[in-house]
Amino acid sequence: MRAFAAAWPDPAFMHQLGAQLRWRHLTVLLERLDEPSLRDWYAAQTVEHGWSRNVLEHQVMAQLHARVGTAPSNFHSHLPAPDSELAQQLTRDPTSSTTSI
């Protein structure tokens, strides 16, 4: 509990993301990530995509944060906003699962 309190001293985290995550997800974030901004990013992605603990751990180990949005494309200049984002997601690395198992 002390590690948890030290990692997320801002009470707003508990109201926004922390309350939506299970304890096992939080322990993965605490054990695998030292940088607070990365912990927050993975917490937000976990909530948004509904990742299981195993998927979260896989994404952390595969360094998803470094790969998101790195594929070059012209989708944003040739498609309307909702379609360009969908097209970009469809062309992601197939080894990186962003859905629940």
N, C-alpha and C. Protein backbone atom coordinates (compact mmCIF):
# COMPACT_ATOMS: atom_id res chain seq x y z
N MET A 1 0.82 -1.19 0.00
CA MET A 1 0.00 0.00 0.00
C MET A 1 0.87 1.26 0.00
N ARG A 2 2.00 1.20 0.67
CA ARG A 2 2.89 2.36 0.68
C ARG A 2 3.43 2.65 -0.71
N ALA A 3 3.79 1.59 -1.42
CA ALA A 3 4.28 1.77 -2.78
C ALA A 3 3.20 2.38 -3.67
N PHE A 4 1.99 1.96 -3.47
CA PHE A 4 0.86 2.50 -4.23
C PHE A 4 0.69 3.99 -3.93
N ALA A 5 0.71 4.34 -2.65
CA ALA A 5 0.56 5.75 -2.25
C ALA A 5 1.71 6.60 -2.76
N ALA A 6 2.91 6.03 -2.78
CA ALA A 6 4.07 6.78 -3.27
C ALA A 6 4.02 6.94 -4.79
N ALA A 7 3.51 5.93 -5.47
CA ALA A 7 3.46 5.98 -6.94
C ALA A 7 2.40 6.96 -7.44
N TRP A 8 1.27 7.03 -6.74
CA TRP A 8 0.17 7.91 -7.15
C TRP A 8 -0.25 8.79 -5.98
N PRO A 9 0.53 9.82 -5.66
CA PRO A 9 0.19 10.68 -4.53
C PRO A 9 -1.02 11.58 -4.80
N ASP A 10 -1.35 11.77 -6.06
CA ASP A 10 -2.47 12.64 -6.42
C ASP A 10 -3.79 11.88 -6.22
N PRO A 11 -4.67 12.35 -5.34
CA PRO A 11 -5.94 11.65 -5.11
C PRO A 11 -6.84 11.63 -6.34
N ALA A 12 -6.60 12.51 -7.29
CA ALA A 12 -7.42 12.52 -8.51
C ALA A 12 -7.25 11.22 -9.30
N PHE A 13 -6.08 10.58 -9.18
CA PHE A 13 -5.87 9.32 -9.89
C PHE A 13 -6.88 8.28 -9.45
N MET A 14 -7.13 8.20 -8.16
CA MET A 14 -8.08 7.21 -7.64
C MET A 14 -9.49 7.47 -8.15
N HIS A 15 -9.83 8.71 -8.34
CA HIS A 15 -11.18 9.04 -8.80
C HIS A 15 -11.33 8.83 -10.31
N GLN A 16 -10.23 8.98 -11.04
CA GLN A 16 -10.32 8.89 -12.49
C GLN A 16 -10.00 7.49 -13.01
N LEU A 17 -8.80 7.00 -12.74
CA LEU A 17 -8.37 5.72 -13.31
C LEU A 17 -8.25 4.61 -12.28
N GLY A 18 -7.66 4.93 -11.17
CA GLY A 18 -7.39 3.90 -10.16
C GLY A 18 -8.62 3.16 -9.71
N ALA A 19 -9.72 3.84 -9.61
CA ALA A 19 -10.96 3.19 -9.17
C ALA A 19 -11.51 2.24 -10.23
N GLN A 20 -11.08 2.39 -11.46
CA GLN A 20 -11.57 1.55 -12.54
C GLN A 20 -10.68 0.34 -12.80
N LEU A 21 -9.55 0.27 -12.12
CA LEU A 21 -8.61 -0.83 -12.32
C LEU A 21 -8.65 -1.80 -11.14
N ARG A 22 -8.42 -3.05 -11.43
CA ARG A 22 -8.32 -4.04 -10.36
C ARG A 22 -6.94 -3.97 -9.73
N TRP A 23 -6.86 -4.48 -8.52
CA TRP A 23 -5.60 -4.45 -7.78
C TRP A 23 -4.48 -5.13 -8.57
N ARG A 24 -4.79 -6.24 -9.24
CA ARG A 24 -3.75 -6.96 -10.00
C ARG A 24 -3.21 -6.10 -11.14
N HIS A 25 -4.05 -5.28 -11.75
CA HIS A 25 -3.58 -4.36 -12.79
C HIS A 25 -2.63 -3.33 -12.17
N LEU A 26 -3.02 -2.81 -11.02
CA LEU A 26 -2.19 -1.80 -10.36
C LEU A 26 -0.83 -2.38 -9.95
N THR A 27 -0.81 -3.63 -9.52
CA THR A 27 0.48 -4.23 -9.13
C THR A 27 1.38 -4.41 -10.35
N VAL A 28 0.81 -4.73 -11.51
CA VAL A 28 1.62 -4.82 -12.73
C VAL A 28 2.24 -3.45 -13.03
N LEU A 29 1.44 -2.41 -12.95
CA LEU A 29 1.94 -1.06 -13.21
C LEU A 29 3.06 -0.68 -12.24
N LEU A 30 2.88 -1.03 -10.98
CA LEU A 30 3.88 -0.70 -9.96
C LEU A 30 5.17 -1.50 -10.13
N GLU A 31 5.03 -2.78 -10.45
CA GLU A 31 6.21 -3.64 -10.54
C GLU A 31 6.99 -3.47 -11.83
N ARG A 32 6.31 -3.15 -12.92
CA ARG A 32 6.96 -3.12 -14.23
C ARG A 32 7.41 -1.74 -14.70
N LEU A 33 6.81 -0.68 -14.15
CA LEU A 33 7.09 0.67 -14.66
C LEU A 33 7.58 1.59 -13.55
N ASP A 34 8.70 2.24 -13.80
CA ASP A 34 9.26 3.18 -12.83
C ASP A 34 8.83 4.62 -13.11
N GLU A 35 8.57 4.93 -14.35
CA GLU A 35 8.24 6.30 -14.74
C GLU A 35 6.75 6.58 -14.54
N PRO A 36 6.41 7.59 -13.75
CA PRO A 36 4.99 7.89 -13.47
C PRO A 36 4.15 8.17 -14.72
N SER A 37 4.71 8.86 -15.69
CA SER A 37 3.93 9.17 -16.90
C SER A 37 3.58 7.90 -17.67
N LEU A 38 4.49 6.93 -17.69
CA LEU A 38 4.20 5.66 -18.35
C LEU A 38 3.15 4.87 -17.59
N ARG A 39 3.23 4.86 -16.27
CA ARG A 39 2.21 4.18 -15.47
C ARG A 39 0.84 4.76 -15.76
N ASP A 40 0.76 6.07 -15.81
CA ASP A 40 -0.52 6.73 -16.08
C ASP A 40 -1.01 6.42 -17.49
N TRP A 41 -0.09 6.39 -18.47
CA TRP A 41 -0.47 6.10 -19.85
C TRP A 41 -1.03 4.68 -19.96
N TYR A 42 -0.33 3.72 -19.37
CA TYR A 42 -0.80 2.33 -19.43
C TYR A 42 -2.10 2.15 -18.64
N ALA A 43 -2.25 2.86 -17.55
CA ALA A 43 -3.51 2.79 -16.79
C ALA A 43 -4.66 3.30 -17.64
N ALA A 44 -4.45 4.41 -18.32
CA ALA A 44 -5.50 4.97 -19.18
C ALA A 44 -5.83 4.03 -20.34
N GLN A 45 -4.81 3.43 -20.95
CA GLN A 45 -5.03 2.50 -22.05
C GLN A 45 -5.77 1.26 -21.58
N THR A 46 -5.45 0.79 -20.37
CA THR A 46 -6.11 -0.38 -19.82
C THR A 46 -7.59 -0.12 -19.62
N VAL A 47 -7.92 1.04 -19.09
CA VAL A 47 -9.32 1.39 -18.88
C VAL A 47 -10.03 1.55 -20.22
N GLU A 48 -9.39 2.25 -21.16
CA GLU A 48 -10.01 2.52 -22.45
C GLU A 48 -10.28 1.24 -23.24
N HIS A 49 -9.33 0.31 -23.22
CA HIS A 49 -9.44 -0.90 -24.04
C HIS A 49 -9.92 -2.13 -23.28
N GLY A 50 -10.05 -2.02 -21.98
CA GLY A 50 -10.52 -3.15 -21.18
C GLY A 50 -9.56 -4.32 -21.14
N TRP A 51 -8.26 -4.02 -21.09
CA TRP A 51 -7.25 -5.08 -21.08
C TRP A 51 -7.33 -5.93 -19.83
N SER A 52 -7.08 -7.21 -19.99
CA SER A 52 -6.91 -8.09 -18.84
C SER A 52 -5.51 -7.82 -18.25
N ARG A 53 -5.24 -8.38 -17.10
CA ARG A 53 -3.92 -8.20 -16.49
C ARG A 53 -2.84 -8.77 -17.39
N ASN A 54 -3.10 -9.93 -18.01
CA ASN A 54 -2.11 -10.55 -18.89
C ASN A 54 -1.83 -9.70 -20.11
N VAL A 55 -2.86 -9.11 -20.69
CA VAL A 55 -2.67 -8.24 -21.85
C VAL A 55 -1.89 -7.00 -21.44
N LEU A 56 -2.24 -6.42 -20.30
CA LEU A 56 -1.49 -5.26 -19.80
C LEU A 56 -0.02 -5.59 -19.64
N GLU A 57 0.26 -6.72 -19.01
CA GLU A 57 1.66 -7.11 -18.81
C GLU A 57 2.37 -7.31 -20.14
N HIS A 58 1.70 -7.93 -21.09
CA HIS A 58 2.29 -8.12 -22.42
C HIS A 58 2.58 -6.78 -23.09
N GLN A 59 1.64 -5.86 -23.01
CA GLN A 59 1.81 -4.54 -23.65
C GLN A 59 2.96 -3.77 -23.01
N VAL A 60 3.10 -3.87 -21.71
CA VAL A 60 4.20 -3.19 -21.02
C VAL A 60 5.53 -3.79 -21.46
N MET A 61 5.61 -5.12 -21.46
CA MET A 61 6.86 -5.78 -21.84
C MET A 61 7.20 -5.55 -23.31
N ALA A 62 6.18 -5.40 -24.16
CA ALA A 62 6.40 -5.15 -25.59
C ALA A 62 6.60 -3.66 -25.88
N GLN A 63 6.55 -2.83 -24.86
CA GLN A 63 6.73 -1.38 -24.96
C GLN A 63 5.79 -0.75 -25.99
N LEU A 64 4.51 -1.01 -25.78
CA LEU A 64 3.50 -0.46 -26.69
C LEU A 64 3.59 1.05 -26.79
N HIS A 65 3.88 1.72 -25.70
CA HIS A 65 3.93 3.19 -25.70
C HIS A 65 4.91 3.73 -26.74
N ALA A 66 5.95 2.99 -27.03
CA ALA A 66 6.95 3.44 -27.99
C ALA A 66 6.53 3.19 -29.42
N ARG A 67 5.57 2.28 -29.63
CA ARG A 67 5.16 1.91 -30.98
C ARG A 67 3.87 2.58 -31.43
N VAL A 68 3.07 3.07 -30.53
CA VAL A 68 1.78 3.65 -30.90
C VAL A 68 1.98 4.89 -31.75
N GLY A 69 1.35 4.87 -32.91
CA GLY A 69 1.39 6.04 -33.79
C GLY A 69 2.68 6.23 -34.55
N THR A 70 3.56 5.23 -34.56
CA THR A 70 4.84 5.42 -35.24
C THR A 70 4.83 4.99 -36.70
N ALA A 71 3.81 4.23 -37.11
CA ALA A 71 3.75 3.80 -38.51
C ALA A 71 3.40 4.99 -39.40
N PRO A 72 4.21 5.24 -40.42
CA PRO A 72 3.90 6.37 -41.31
C PRO A 72 2.66 6.08 -42.15
N SER A 73 1.83 7.07 -42.29
CA SER A 73 0.63 6.92 -43.13
C SER A 73 0.15 8.30 -43.57
N ASN A 74 -0.71 8.30 -44.55
CA ASN A 74 -1.33 9.54 -45.00
C ASN A 74 -2.82 9.50 -44.74
N PHE A 75 -3.26 8.65 -43.83
CA PHE A 75 -4.68 8.52 -43.53
C PHE A 75 -5.29 9.84 -43.07
N HIS A 76 -4.58 10.58 -42.23
CA HIS A 76 -5.13 11.82 -41.68
C HIS A 76 -5.33 12.89 -42.74
N SER A 77 -4.53 12.85 -43.79
CA SER A 77 -4.68 13.87 -44.83
C SER A 77 -5.69 13.47 -45.92
N HIS A 78 -6.05 12.18 -45.99
CA HIS A 78 -6.95 11.74 -47.06
C HIS A 78 -8.30 11.21 -46.59
N LEU A 79 -8.47 11.01 -45.29
CA LEU A 79 -9.73 10.49 -44.76
C LEU A 79 -10.26 11.42 -43.68
N PRO A 80 -11.59 11.45 -43.51
CA PRO A 80 -12.14 12.24 -42.40
C PRO A 80 -11.70 11.65 -41.06
N ALA A 81 -11.75 12.45 -40.01
CA ALA A 81 -11.20 12.10 -38.70
C ALA A 81 -11.59 10.71 -38.18
N PRO A 82 -12.86 10.35 -38.09
CA PRO A 82 -13.15 9.02 -37.52
C PRO A 82 -12.60 7.88 -38.37
N ASP A 83 -12.67 8.05 -39.70
CA ASP A 83 -12.18 6.99 -40.58
C ASP A 83 -10.66 6.89 -40.58
N SER A 84 -9.98 8.03 -40.46
CA SER A 84 -8.52 8.00 -40.46
C SER A 84 -7.98 7.31 -39.22
N GLU A 85 -8.62 7.53 -38.08
CA GLU A 85 -8.19 6.87 -36.85
C GLU A 85 -8.44 5.36 -36.93
N LEU A 86 -9.58 4.97 -37.48
CA LEU A 86 -9.90 3.55 -37.63
C LEU A 86 -8.91 2.88 -38.58
N ALA A 87 -8.61 3.53 -39.69
CA ALA A 87 -7.64 2.97 -40.64
C ALA A 87 -6.27 2.82 -39.99
N GLN A 88 -5.86 3.79 -39.17
CA GLN A 88 -4.57 3.71 -38.49
C GLN A 88 -4.56 2.55 -37.52
N GLN A 89 -5.66 2.33 -36.79
CA GLN A 89 -5.73 1.21 -35.84
C GLN A 89 -5.69 -0.13 -36.56
N LEU A 90 -6.29 -0.21 -37.74
CA LEU A 90 -6.31 -1.46 -38.49
C LEU A 90 -4.93 -1.85 -39.00
N THR A 91 -4.05 -0.88 -39.17
CA THR A 91 -2.72 -1.17 -39.69
C THR A 91 -1.67 -1.32 -38.59
N ARG A 92 -2.10 -1.40 -37.35
CA ARG A 92 -1.15 -1.59 -36.25
C ARG A 92 -0.43 -2.93 -36.37
N ASP A 93 0.64 -3.03 -35.64
CA ASP A 93 1.42 -4.26 -35.56
C ASP A 93 0.52 -5.39 -35.07
N PRO A 94 0.35 -6.46 -35.84
CA PRO A 94 -0.58 -7.54 -35.42
C PRO A 94 -0.12 -8.28 -34.18
N THR A 95 1.13 -8.14 -33.79
CA THR A 95 1.60 -8.82 -32.58
C THR A 95 1.21 -8.08 -31.32
N SER A 96 0.73 -6.85 -31.47
CA SER A 96 0.33 -6.09 -30.29
C SER A 96 -1.18 -6.11 -30.17
N SER A 97 -1.68 -6.89 -29.27
CA SER A 97 -3.11 -7.01 -29.05
C SER A 97 -3.59 -5.87 -28.17
N THR A 98 -4.66 -5.19 -28.60
CA THR A 98 -5.21 -4.11 -27.78
C THR A 98 -6.62 -4.45 -27.32
N THR A 99 -6.96 -5.72 -27.42
CA THR A 99 -8.27 -6.13 -26.96
C THR A 99 -8.12 -7.09 -25.81
N SER A 100 -9.18 -7.32 -25.09
CA SER A 100 -9.15 -8.23 -23.95
C SER A 100 -9.06 -9.67 -24.43
N ILE A 101 -8.41 -10.46 -23.65
CA ILE A 101 -8.33 -11.89 -23.94
C ILE A 101 -9.32 -12.61 -23.07
